[in-house]
Protein backbone atom coordinates (compact mmCIF):
# COMPACT_ATOMS: atom_id res chain seq x y z
CA UNK A 1 -10.66 1.08 5.78
CA UNK A 2 -7.27 0.27 4.35
CA UNK A 3 -3.98 1.49 5.74
CA UNK A 4 -3.55 3.62 2.63
CA UNK A 5 -6.93 5.30 3.15
CA UNK A 6 -6.14 5.89 6.81
CA UNK A 7 -2.79 7.48 5.93
CA UNK A 8 -4.49 9.69 3.33
CA UNK A 9 -7.11 10.83 5.88
CA UNK A 10 -4.44 11.59 8.46
CA UNK A 11 -2.49 13.63 5.91
CA UNK A 12 -5.64 15.58 5.03
CA UNK A 13 -6.32 16.24 8.71
CA UNK A 14 -2.75 17.48 9.25
CA UNK A 15 -3.07 19.78 6.23
CA UNK A 16 -6.36 21.18 7.56
CA UNK A 17 -4.87 21.74 11.02
CA UNK A 18 -1.86 23.50 9.53
CA UNK A 19 -4.16 25.79 7.52
CA UNK A 20 -6.25 26.51 10.63
CA UNK A 21 -3.11 27.32 12.64
CA UNK A 22 -1.87 29.66 9.90
CA UNK A 23 -5.21 31.46 9.83
CA UNK A 24 -5.25 31.78 13.63
CA UNK A 25 -1.68 33.08 13.63
CA UNK A 26 -2.55 35.67 10.96
CA UNK A 27 -5.56 36.83 12.98
CA UNK A 28 -3.50 37.07 16.16
CA UNK A 29 -0.80 39.04 14.34
CA UNK A 30 -3.40 41.52 13.11
CA UNK A 31 -4.87 41.87 16.61
CA UNK A 32 -1.40 42.44 18.07
CA UNK A 33 -0.73 45.14 15.48
CA UNK A 34 -3.74 46.86 17.07
CA UNK A 35 -2.30 46.29 20.56
CA UNK A 36 1.03 47.78 19.49
CA UNK A 37 -0.82 50.83 18.15
CA UNK A 38 -2.61 51.12 21.51
CA UNK A 39 0.75 51.00 23.31
CA UNK A 40 1.88 53.92 21.14
CA UNK A 41 -1.20 56.01 22.01
CA UNK A 42 -0.17 58.24 24.92
CA UNK A 43 -3.80 58.57 26.00
CA UNK A 44 -4.24 54.87 26.78
CA UNK A 45 -0.78 53.24 26.66
CA UNK A 46 -0.31 53.20 30.43
CA UNK A 47 -3.71 51.58 31.00
CA UNK A 48 -3.10 48.98 28.27
CA UNK A 49 0.28 48.05 29.73
CA UNK A 50 -1.10 47.92 33.30
CA UNK A 51 -4.00 45.65 32.28
CA UNK A 52 -1.57 43.31 30.51
CA UNK A 53 0.67 43.18 33.58
CA UNK A 54 -2.34 42.46 35.80
CA UNK A 55 -3.24 39.59 33.48
CA UNK A 56 0.25 38.13 33.85
CA UNK A 57 -0.10 38.42 37.63
CA UNK A 58 -3.42 36.58 37.43
CA UNK A 59 -1.76 33.83 35.36
CA UNK A 60 0.89 33.52 38.08
CA UNK A 61 -1.65 33.41 40.89
CA UNK A 62 -3.71 30.74 39.15
CA UNK A 63 -0.75 28.75 37.85
CA UNK A 64 -2.48 28.45 34.48
CA UNK A 65 0.36 29.63 32.25
CA UNK A 66 3.99 28.54 32.17
CA UNK A 67 6.51 30.63 34.07
CA UNK A 68 8.57 31.03 30.88
CA UNK A 69 5.58 32.44 28.99
CA UNK A 70 4.79 34.86 31.79
CA UNK A 71 8.44 35.95 32.06
CA UNK A 72 8.60 36.55 28.31
CA UNK A 73 5.53 38.78 28.39
CA UNK A 74 6.77 40.68 31.44
CA UNK A 75 10.06 41.32 29.67
CA UNK A 76 8.25 42.59 26.58
CA UNK A 77 5.91 44.80 28.60
CA UNK A 78 8.93 46.39 30.32
CA UNK A 79 10.55 47.30 26.99
CA UNK A 80 10.46 50.63 25.22
CA UNK A 81 7.60 50.86 22.71
CA UNK A 82 9.57 50.09 19.55
CA UNK A 83 11.48 47.20 21.12
CA UNK A 84 8.21 45.78 22.45
CA UNK A 85 6.61 46.15 19.01
CA UNK A 86 9.52 44.33 17.38
CA UNK A 87 9.22 41.45 19.86
CA UNK A 88 5.43 41.22 19.71
CA UNK A 89 5.22 41.34 15.91
CA UNK A 90 8.28 39.22 15.12
CA UNK A 91 7.88 36.62 12.38
CA UNK A 92 9.07 33.75 14.56
CA UNK A 93 7.45 30.69 16.08
CA UNK A 94 8.26 31.99 19.57
CA UNK A 95 6.48 35.29 18.91
CA UNK A 96 3.51 33.48 17.37
CA UNK A 97 3.30 31.26 20.46
CA UNK A 98 3.31 34.34 22.70
CA UNK A 99 0.54 35.93 20.64
CA UNK A 100 -1.61 32.80 20.99
CA UNK A 101 -1.71 33.30 24.77
CA UNK A 102 -1.74 37.04 25.15
CA UNK A 103 -2.17 39.24 28.22
CA UNK A 104 -3.73 42.03 26.15
CA UNK A 105 -7.39 42.83 26.71
CA UNK A 106 -10.04 43.05 24.02
CA UNK A 107 -9.66 46.85 24.19
CA UNK A 108 -6.03 46.58 23.08
CA UNK A 109 -6.57 43.84 20.51
CA UNK A 110 -9.40 45.73 18.80
CA UNK A 111 -7.88 49.21 19.15
CA UNK A 112 -8.40 51.40 16.11
CA UNK A 113 -5.94 54.17 15.39
CA UNK A 114 -7.46 57.60 15.46
CA UNK A 115 -6.92 60.19 12.81
């Protein structure tokens, strides 16, 4: 394999990884739109928030997630609903990184608005 072929293959792999990351980020954004809707539902919001906080505590106990990531999620979970929604759904790399490692349960991420 020539150097040129190797460079071409690496470029193709980077392009594929970038596309995969974009698709993952889009899926995570959609799931977090569901979680935000769950946080706005007075019937389950408290449970959703509590489960997320318990997940952050588990991360702390296990030492599996960075302290900065945990602190960011705890800050968001302590915010008023609209401020939390703005932070969770922001179109930034930091927000996307938070969504990739989320404390929300499957119940929150798959929540369907009623009505």
